[in-house]
Amino acid sequence: MHFRQKHLDFAAKITFLFLLAGFVLIAYASGGVDFRGYYGAAVVVTRGGNPYDYTQLAPVLEEITGFAGNNPYFYPPWFSLFFIPFTLLPFQIARLIWLVLNGGLFYFGLAFLQAALEWKVDGWKKWTVYLAATLSFAAYCLRSEQVGILLFFALALGLLAIKRRQYAVAGLALVLFVTKPSVTLPAAGIIVLWLVYRQRRSLLWAAGWTAGLILLSSVVISKWWQFDRSGFGRGLAYALDGPDQIAAVRVLSTIYDFLDFVLGVGPPFHYLIATALAISGVALVLVAWRQSRYLPTTLSAALVLTFLVTPYALQYDYVVLVLPFFWIVMHLAALENTLRAMTVGLLLFSFSVLIWQQWSYQGYFQLLALAGAFALTLHGVAKRSALPAQTPGSRSAPLQA
């Protein structure tokens, strides 16, 4: 029996690793998506330009890949500095390294998050959960070459660093986590509030890292804040083919496009529905905090709230939802049979969306199912009085308030 168990564990591990590597190679073979924007912005910086000026960036994008496309630069100024080393390599080799790096960051992010949650799962069960997270969240992000995996890694690293009281690492992780505030700001706010009361040294480090990175950016990118803002941000709502050349309207994985294109509900009613969802999400965060006072639980609720109402998100941003996904799965055993069956059903439906969806706005189904599963699990765990703050060995954990 032990022999069979070892083989099952090994088979599950190999399946996870091969599939993760396979998604990296598939993404590379697909020709490239958003890495060109990061690479191009770094090239503009090395040439003494301003990456926020799309009239400077678009010609570089065309030089690199043969077309300008829709890749304006919207990230913090220091983010472009991270990609300067990539510009020392040919574009396609740099792309491959970026994808391999993301595959590694996702694996270590999963391991760091499991350690931060003190989740005692191993063997085939662990690798199966890792595989499910890869299929549900990482594959889409790898294909898009986006920063969702980097945000998830920063989240997992930050939680583990906070737990271990590694203040400088926790501060840097927080700065990296807010690289894309449209999908991380409410969750980052929860972390900041928690740090104010429990670990201010990490917050001071975060402030120091931010000041240092902005100063470095200002030295390397002269007057990065001075650029023509007319039309800036247009690339979020429209697919461009260079400056001021609108090719199509973009559809997103948000409540607004979901209501417009799936349910046929437009303004002003979709704003009312979004407000109602926001209120429900805030209530979920408050319930999570009052019932557990455990940072990962409250943070999971905050991430669900963020994606329920954010005006800009696509499924490549969903990678940070691995946290509520892990939290749900690690508490399944504490649920009553009926709640467990409902929760598993919602998780399976959430996973299925990636198989049958045709448009980005249908991806919102994935979020709704995960949000429902989280709410059911939170209710069930509270009902069984089995919250993380009450489990053996967790009373002194730094993640507990």
Protein backbone atom coordinates (compact mmCIF):
# COMPACT_ATOMS: atom_id res chain seq x y z
CA MET A 1 0.00 0.00 0.00
CA HIS A 2 2.85 2.35 0.88
CA PHE A 3 4.51 1.49 -2.44
CA ARG A 4 1.34 2.42 -4.34
CA GLN A 5 1.05 5.67 -2.38
CA LYS A 6 4.60 6.71 -3.32
CA HIS A 7 3.90 6.04 -6.99
CA LEU A 8 0.63 7.99 -6.84
CA ASP A 9 2.40 10.92 -5.19
CA PHE A 10 5.17 10.85 -7.80
CA ALA A 11 2.71 10.62 -10.69
CA ALA A 12 0.73 13.62 -9.40
CA LYS A 13 3.92 15.67 -8.95
CA ILE A 14 5.20 14.85 -12.43
CA THR A 15 1.80 15.65 -13.95
CA PHE A 16 1.77 19.07 -12.30
CA LEU A 17 5.35 19.92 -13.28
CA PHE A 18 4.96 18.73 -16.87
CA LEU A 19 1.70 20.59 -17.36
CA LEU A 20 3.13 23.80 -15.90
CA ALA A 21 6.14 23.49 -18.21
CA GLY A 22 3.79 22.63 -21.07
CA PHE A 23 1.77 25.80 -20.56
CA VAL A 24 5.00 27.81 -20.60
CA LEU A 25 6.00 26.25 -23.94
CA ILE A 26 2.49 26.64 -25.40
CA ALA A 27 2.52 30.32 -24.44
CA TYR A 28 5.91 30.77 -26.07
CA ALA A 29 4.83 28.99 -29.25
CA SER A 30 1.76 31.24 -29.48
CA GLY A 31 3.87 34.17 -30.61
CA GLY A 32 3.64 36.61 -27.73
CA VAL A 33 1.15 39.04 -26.21
CA ASP A 34 1.82 41.58 -23.45
CA PHE A 35 5.51 41.00 -22.74
CA ARG A 36 6.19 43.13 -25.82
CA GLY A 37 4.77 46.11 -23.93
CA TYR A 38 7.09 45.66 -20.94
CA TYR A 39 10.09 45.01 -23.18
CA GLY A 40 9.26 47.97 -25.39
CA ALA A 41 8.86 50.32 -22.41
CA ALA A 42 12.28 49.27 -21.12
CA VAL A 43 13.81 49.88 -24.57
CA VAL A 44 12.31 53.40 -24.58
CA VAL A 45 13.89 54.02 -21.16
CA THR A 46 17.32 52.81 -22.34
CA ARG A 47 17.06 55.29 -25.22
CA GLY A 48 16.35 58.18 -22.87
CA GLY A 49 12.62 58.35 -23.59
CA ASN A 50 9.44 58.30 -21.54
CA PRO A 51 7.54 54.97 -21.58
CA TYR A 52 4.25 56.74 -20.77
CA ASP A 53 4.41 58.61 -24.08
CA TYR A 54 2.75 56.24 -26.53
CA THR A 55 4.04 58.24 -29.49
CA GLN A 56 7.53 57.17 -28.35
CA LEU A 57 6.56 53.62 -27.38
CA ALA A 58 4.51 52.64 -30.45
CA PRO A 59 7.41 52.93 -32.95
CA VAL A 60 9.55 50.77 -30.67
CA LEU A 61 6.80 48.14 -30.48
CA GLU A 62 6.59 48.15 -34.27
CA GLU A 63 10.35 47.84 -34.51
CA ILE A 64 10.36 44.85 -32.14
CA THR A 65 7.38 42.87 -33.42
CA GLY A 66 6.33 44.46 -36.69
CA PHE A 67 3.20 46.21 -35.42
CA ALA A 68 2.31 48.85 -32.81
CA GLY A 69 -0.78 47.18 -31.39
CA ASN A 70 -2.44 47.97 -28.07
CA ASN A 71 0.37 48.06 -25.52
CA PRO A 72 0.47 51.49 -23.83
CA TYR A 73 2.44 51.58 -20.58
CA PHE A 74 0.30 52.07 -17.45
CA TYR A 75 2.49 50.62 -14.69
CA PRO A 76 4.59 52.44 -12.05
CA PRO A 77 7.72 54.07 -13.48
CA TRP A 78 10.05 51.73 -11.59
CA PHE A 79 8.37 48.66 -13.10
CA SER A 80 9.96 49.41 -16.48
CA LEU A 81 13.40 49.38 -14.84
CA PHE A 82 12.98 45.69 -13.93
CA PHE A 83 12.84 44.85 -17.65
CA ILE A 84 15.99 46.71 -18.69
CA PRO A 85 18.12 43.53 -18.27
CA PHE A 86 15.77 41.77 -20.71
CA THR A 87 16.62 44.37 -23.38
CA LEU A 88 20.19 43.04 -23.45
CA LEU A 89 18.76 39.92 -25.10
CA PRO A 90 16.94 39.42 -28.41
CA PHE A 91 13.20 39.83 -27.97
CA GLN A 92 12.21 36.18 -28.47
CA ILE A 93 14.86 34.88 -26.07
CA ALA A 94 13.77 37.50 -23.52
CA ARG A 95 10.14 36.31 -23.97
CA LEU A 96 11.14 32.73 -23.24
CA ILE A 97 13.04 33.74 -20.10
CA TRP A 98 10.06 35.82 -18.93
CA LEU A 99 7.71 32.84 -19.35
CA VAL A 100 10.08 30.39 -17.65
CA LEU A 101 10.54 32.90 -14.83
CA ASN A 102 6.77 33.16 -14.44
CA GLY A 103 6.44 29.38 -14.31
CA GLY A 104 9.00 29.30 -11.50
CA LEU A 105 7.38 32.20 -9.65
CA PHE A 106 4.02 30.46 -9.79
CA TYR A 107 5.43 27.23 -8.33
CA PHE A 108 7.22 29.03 -5.51
CA GLY A 109 4.17 31.22 -4.95
CA LEU A 110 2.07 28.10 -4.37
CA ALA A 111 4.64 26.71 -1.94
CA PHE A 112 5.00 30.03 -0.06
CA LEU A 113 1.23 30.40 0.22
CA GLN A 114 0.83 26.88 1.57
CA ALA A 115 3.52 27.61 4.16
CA ALA A 116 1.92 30.93 5.11
CA LEU A 117 -1.45 29.21 5.62
CA GLU A 118 0.19 26.36 7.60
CA TRP A 119 -1.73 23.96 5.41
CA LYS A 120 -0.59 20.42 6.20
CA VAL A 121 -1.34 18.80 2.86
CA ASP A 122 1.19 16.63 1.06
CA GLY A 123 1.60 13.91 -1.50
CA TRP A 124 -0.87 13.51 -4.37
CA LYS A 125 -3.41 15.77 -2.64
CA LYS A 126 -0.97 18.68 -2.60
CA TRP A 127 0.03 18.22 -6.24
CA THR A 128 -3.59 17.85 -7.31
CA VAL A 129 -4.45 21.18 -5.65
CA TYR A 130 -1.40 22.77 -7.29
CA LEU A 131 -2.51 21.37 -10.64
CA ALA A 132 -6.05 22.70 -10.18
CA ALA A 133 -4.66 26.15 -9.38
CA THR A 134 -2.47 26.01 -12.49
CA LEU A 135 -5.35 25.07 -14.77
CA SER A 136 -7.77 27.57 -13.22
CA PHE A 137 -5.51 30.59 -12.88
CA ALA A 138 -1.94 30.31 -14.21
CA ALA A 139 -2.55 28.94 -17.71
CA TYR A 140 -4.52 31.97 -18.90
CA CYS A 141 -1.96 34.37 -17.45
CA LEU A 142 0.97 32.55 -19.03
CA ARG A 143 -0.74 32.63 -22.41
CA SER A 144 -1.21 36.40 -22.06
CA GLU A 145 2.33 36.98 -20.70
CA GLN A 146 0.78 39.27 -18.11
CA VAL A 147 1.89 40.22 -14.57
CA GLY A 148 -0.80 38.28 -12.69
CA ILE A 149 1.65 35.58 -11.61
CA LEU A 150 4.09 38.22 -10.35
CA LEU A 151 1.28 39.79 -8.28
CA PHE A 152 0.37 36.38 -6.86
CA PHE A 153 3.99 35.61 -6.01
CA ALA A 154 4.28 38.98 -4.23
CA LEU A 155 1.10 38.21 -2.26
CA ALA A 156 2.31 34.77 -1.20
CA LEU A 157 5.80 36.03 -0.38
CA GLY A 158 4.34 38.92 1.60
CA LEU A 159 2.10 36.69 3.70
CA LEU A 160 4.97 34.34 4.48
CA ALA A 161 7.33 37.22 5.28
CA ILE A 162 4.75 38.80 7.58
CA LYS A 163 4.32 35.49 9.33
CA ARG A 164 8.07 35.12 9.80
CA ARG A 165 8.52 38.81 10.68
CA GLN A 166 10.89 39.41 7.77
CA TYR A 167 10.07 43.11 7.62
CA ALA A 168 12.16 44.21 4.62
CA VAL A 169 10.87 41.33 2.46
CA ALA A 170 7.27 41.96 3.56
CA GLY A 171 7.59 45.64 2.66
CA LEU A 172 9.01 44.91 -0.79
CA ALA A 173 6.33 42.29 -1.44
CA LEU A 174 3.62 44.82 -0.61
CA VAL A 175 5.11 47.32 -3.08
CA LEU A 176 5.21 44.66 -5.80
CA PHE A 177 1.65 43.60 -4.99
CA VAL A 178 0.27 47.07 -5.74
CA THR A 179 1.96 47.18 -9.15
CA LYS A 180 -1.51 46.86 -10.66
CA PRO A 181 -3.87 48.67 -8.24
CA SER A 182 -7.03 48.04 -10.27
CA VAL A 183 -6.95 44.43 -9.06
CA THR A 184 -5.06 44.69 -5.76
CA LEU A 185 -5.85 48.02 -4.06
CA PRO A 186 -8.65 46.93 -1.63
CA ALA A 187 -6.66 43.83 -0.65
CA ALA A 188 -3.54 45.96 -0.20
CA GLY A 189 -5.60 48.28 2.01
CA ILE A 190 -6.48 45.33 4.25
CA ILE A 191 -2.80 44.40 4.51
CA VAL A 192 -1.86 47.99 5.35
CA LEU A 193 -4.52 48.21 8.07
CA TRP A 194 -3.34 44.91 9.52
CA LEU A 195 0.29 46.08 9.50
CA VAL A 196 -0.63 49.37 11.20
CA TYR A 197 -1.91 47.45 14.19
CA ARG A 198 0.37 44.41 14.15
CA GLN A 199 3.64 44.97 12.28
CA ARG A 200 4.47 48.59 11.56
CA ARG A 201 8.10 47.85 10.74
CA SER A 202 6.98 46.07 7.55
CA LEU A 203 4.91 49.12 6.64
CA LEU A 204 7.89 51.41 7.21
CA TRP A 205 9.96 49.19 4.94
CA ALA A 206 7.22 49.39 2.30
CA ALA A 207 7.31 53.19 2.49
CA GLY A 208 11.10 53.14 2.20
CA TRP A 209 11.06 50.80 -0.79
CA THR A 210 8.46 52.99 -2.50
CA ALA A 211 10.44 56.19 -1.93
CA GLY A 212 13.64 54.54 -3.11
CA LEU A 213 12.09 53.12 -6.27
CA ILE A 214 10.45 56.42 -7.17
CA LEU A 215 13.75 58.25 -6.62
CA LEU A 216 15.59 55.71 -8.77
CA SER A 217 12.93 56.03 -11.48
CA SER A 218 13.23 59.80 -11.44
CA VAL A 219 16.99 59.55 -11.90
CA VAL A 220 16.85 56.99 -14.72
CA ILE A 221 13.72 58.34 -16.46
CA SER A 222 14.05 62.09 -16.56
CA LYS A 223 10.71 63.79 -15.82
CA TRP A 224 8.69 60.61 -16.35
CA TRP A 225 5.63 62.45 -15.06
CA GLN A 226 5.70 64.91 -17.96
CA PHE A 227 3.93 63.52 -21.04
CA ASP A 228 0.92 64.28 -23.20
CA ARG A 229 -2.08 62.98 -21.23
CA SER A 230 -4.62 63.50 -23.99
CA GLY A 231 -6.06 60.08 -24.70
CA PHE A 232 -3.98 58.47 -21.95
CA GLY A 233 -5.83 55.40 -20.68
CA ARG A 234 -7.71 54.94 -23.95
CA GLY A 235 -6.00 51.59 -24.41
CA LEU A 236 -7.90 50.23 -21.40
CA ALA A 237 -11.27 50.72 -23.08
CA TYR A 238 -10.28 50.23 -26.71
CA ALA A 239 -7.98 47.98 -28.70
CA LEU A 240 -5.53 50.36 -30.36
CA ASP A 241 -3.19 49.94 -33.29
CA GLY A 242 -0.85 52.72 -32.32
CA PRO A 243 -1.57 56.20 -30.92
CA ASP A 244 -5.11 57.44 -31.63
CA GLN A 245 -5.88 54.48 -33.90
CA ILE A 246 -8.87 52.65 -32.41
CA ALA A 247 -9.32 49.15 -33.84
CA ALA A 248 -12.10 47.82 -31.60
CA VAL A 249 -13.87 48.17 -28.26
CA ARG A 250 -12.36 45.96 -25.55
CA VAL A 251 -14.56 43.61 -23.53
CA LEU A 252 -13.47 42.80 -19.98
CA SER A 253 -14.12 40.25 -17.25
CA THR A 254 -16.04 42.77 -15.13
CA ILE A 255 -19.55 43.14 -13.76
CA TYR A 256 -20.23 45.95 -16.22
CA ASP A 257 -19.47 43.99 -19.41
CA PHE A 258 -21.04 40.87 -17.89
CA LEU A 259 -24.31 42.71 -17.34
CA ASP A 260 -24.14 44.44 -20.72
CA PHE A 261 -23.36 41.40 -22.88
CA VAL A 262 -24.66 38.42 -20.89
CA LEU A 263 -27.77 39.79 -19.18
CA GLY A 264 -28.47 42.77 -21.43
CA VAL A 265 -28.51 45.24 -18.53
CA GLY A 266 -26.90 48.58 -19.32
CA PRO A 267 -26.49 51.88 -17.52
CA PRO A 268 -27.68 53.17 -15.19
CA PHE A 269 -28.95 49.87 -13.79
CA HIS A 270 -25.63 48.07 -13.98
CA TYR A 271 -24.14 50.75 -11.70
CA LEU A 272 -26.88 50.05 -9.16
CA ILE A 273 -26.18 46.32 -9.36
CA ALA A 274 -22.44 46.95 -9.03
CA THR A 275 -23.13 49.09 -5.94
CA ALA A 276 -25.22 46.28 -4.44
CA LEU A 277 -22.38 43.83 -5.15
CA ALA A 278 -19.91 46.22 -3.55
CA ILE A 279 -22.04 46.40 -0.41
CA SER A 280 -22.30 42.61 -0.34
CA GLY A 281 -18.54 42.31 -0.81
CA VAL A 282 -17.82 44.76 2.01
CA ALA A 283 -20.19 42.80 4.22
CA LEU A 284 -18.29 39.61 3.34
CA VAL A 285 -15.00 41.26 4.32
CA LEU A 286 -16.47 42.43 7.65
CA VAL A 287 -17.91 38.99 8.37
CA ALA A 288 -14.57 37.34 7.54
CA TRP A 289 -12.76 39.75 9.87
CA ARG A 290 -15.21 39.48 12.76
CA GLN A 291 -15.45 35.71 12.61
CA SER A 292 -11.78 34.83 12.30
CA ARG A 293 -9.52 37.90 12.70
CA TYR A 294 -7.12 35.92 10.51
CA LEU A 295 -5.35 37.91 7.80
CA PRO A 296 -5.59 35.33 4.95
CA THR A 297 -9.34 34.91 5.52
CA THR A 298 -10.04 38.64 5.44
CA LEU A 299 -7.63 39.09 2.55
CA SER A 300 -9.45 36.37 0.59
CA ALA A 301 -12.72 38.22 1.08
CA ALA A 302 -11.08 41.49 0.00
CA LEU A 303 -9.79 39.91 -3.20
CA VAL A 304 -13.26 38.58 -4.00
CA LEU A 305 -14.68 42.06 -3.36
CA THR A 306 -12.05 43.64 -5.64
CA PHE A 307 -12.87 41.52 -8.65
CA LEU A 308 -16.61 41.76 -8.09
CA VAL A 309 -16.61 45.52 -8.67
CA THR A 310 -13.33 46.59 -10.30
CA PRO A 311 -13.86 48.50 -13.56
CA TYR A 312 -10.84 46.87 -15.20
CA ALA A 313 -9.85 43.21 -15.01
CA LEU A 314 -9.33 40.25 -17.28
CA GLN A 315 -8.87 36.63 -16.33
CA TYR A 316 -5.09 36.93 -16.44
CA ASP A 317 -5.53 39.10 -13.34
CA TYR A 318 -7.39 36.33 -11.49
CA VAL A 319 -4.17 34.58 -10.39
CA VAL A 320 -4.24 36.24 -6.96
CA LEU A 321 -7.54 34.41 -6.39
CA VAL A 322 -5.43 31.33 -5.68
CA LEU A 323 -5.51 32.59 -2.07
CA PRO A 324 -9.31 32.25 -1.60
CA PHE A 325 -9.17 29.04 -3.67
CA PHE A 326 -6.59 27.51 -1.30
CA TRP A 327 -8.54 28.77 1.69
CA ILE A 328 -11.72 27.11 0.43
CA VAL A 329 -10.08 23.76 -0.34
CA MET A 330 -8.22 23.56 2.98
CA HIS A 331 -11.53 23.98 4.83
CA LEU A 332 -13.68 21.60 2.80
CA ALA A 333 -13.36 18.89 5.43
CA ALA A 334 -14.90 21.20 8.04
CA LEU A 335 -18.12 21.64 6.07
CA GLU A 336 -21.32 19.69 6.42
CA ASN A 337 -21.99 17.26 3.59
CA THR A 338 -24.57 19.44 1.83
CA LEU A 339 -22.44 22.59 2.02
CA ARG A 340 -19.39 20.64 0.89
CA ALA A 341 -21.23 19.28 -2.14
CA MET A 342 -22.48 22.76 -3.06
CA THR A 343 -19.01 24.25 -2.64
CA VAL A 344 -17.33 21.56 -4.75
CA GLY A 345 -20.01 22.03 -7.39
CA LEU A 346 -19.31 25.75 -7.56
CA LEU A 347 -15.56 25.13 -7.80
CA LEU A 348 -16.09 22.68 -10.65
CA PHE A 349 -18.30 25.17 -12.44
CA SER A 350 -15.70 27.89 -11.92
CA PHE A 351 -13.10 25.62 -13.51
CA SER A 352 -15.41 24.72 -16.41
CA VAL A 353 -15.76 28.35 -17.51
CA LEU A 354 -12.28 28.30 -19.04
CA ILE A 355 -13.34 25.35 -21.20
CA TRP A 356 -16.58 26.67 -22.70
CA GLN A 357 -16.29 30.46 -22.61
CA GLN A 358 -15.90 32.36 -25.89
CA TRP A 359 -15.66 35.97 -24.68
CA SER A 360 -13.78 37.67 -21.89
CA TYR A 361 -16.94 38.91 -20.17
CA GLN A 362 -18.04 35.28 -19.68
CA GLY A 363 -14.99 34.88 -17.46
CA TYR A 364 -16.95 36.73 -14.78
CA PHE A 365 -18.84 33.46 -14.26
CA GLN A 366 -15.57 32.01 -12.95
CA LEU A 367 -15.38 34.75 -10.33
CA LEU A 368 -19.04 34.49 -9.32
CA ALA A 369 -18.73 30.76 -8.74
CA LEU A 370 -15.55 31.19 -6.67
CA ALA A 371 -17.17 34.00 -4.67
CA GLY A 372 -20.16 31.76 -3.93
CA ALA A 373 -17.88 28.92 -2.89
CA PHE A 374 -15.96 31.25 -0.56
CA ALA A 375 -19.15 32.60 1.03
CA LEU A 376 -20.50 29.07 1.61
CA THR A 377 -17.19 27.92 3.09
CA LEU A 378 -16.97 30.93 5.39
CA HIS A 379 -20.49 30.25 6.60
CA GLY A 380 -19.85 26.55 7.06
CA VAL A 381 -16.55 26.96 8.89
CA ALA A 382 -18.07 29.52 11.24
CA LYS A 383 -20.99 27.21 11.87
CA ARG A 384 -18.68 24.35 12.79
CA SER A 385 -16.48 26.65 14.92
CA ALA A 386 -13.41 25.51 13.02
CA LEU A 387 -11.90 28.84 11.99
CA PRO A 388 -8.09 29.06 11.48
CA ALA A 389 -7.68 31.16 14.64
CA GLN A 390 -9.09 28.23 16.63
CA THR A 391 -7.12 25.37 15.08
CA PRO A 392 -4.26 23.80 17.05
CA GLY A 393 -0.95 25.54 16.61
CA SER A 394 -2.34 28.73 15.10
CA ARG A 395 -2.96 30.85 18.17
CA SER A 396 0.50 32.38 18.16
CA ALA A 397 0.76 32.73 14.38
CA PRO A 398 1.67 36.31 13.37
CA LEU A 399 -1.06 36.26 10.70
CA GLN A 400 -3.67 36.15 13.44
CA ALA A 401 -4.92 39.45 14.84
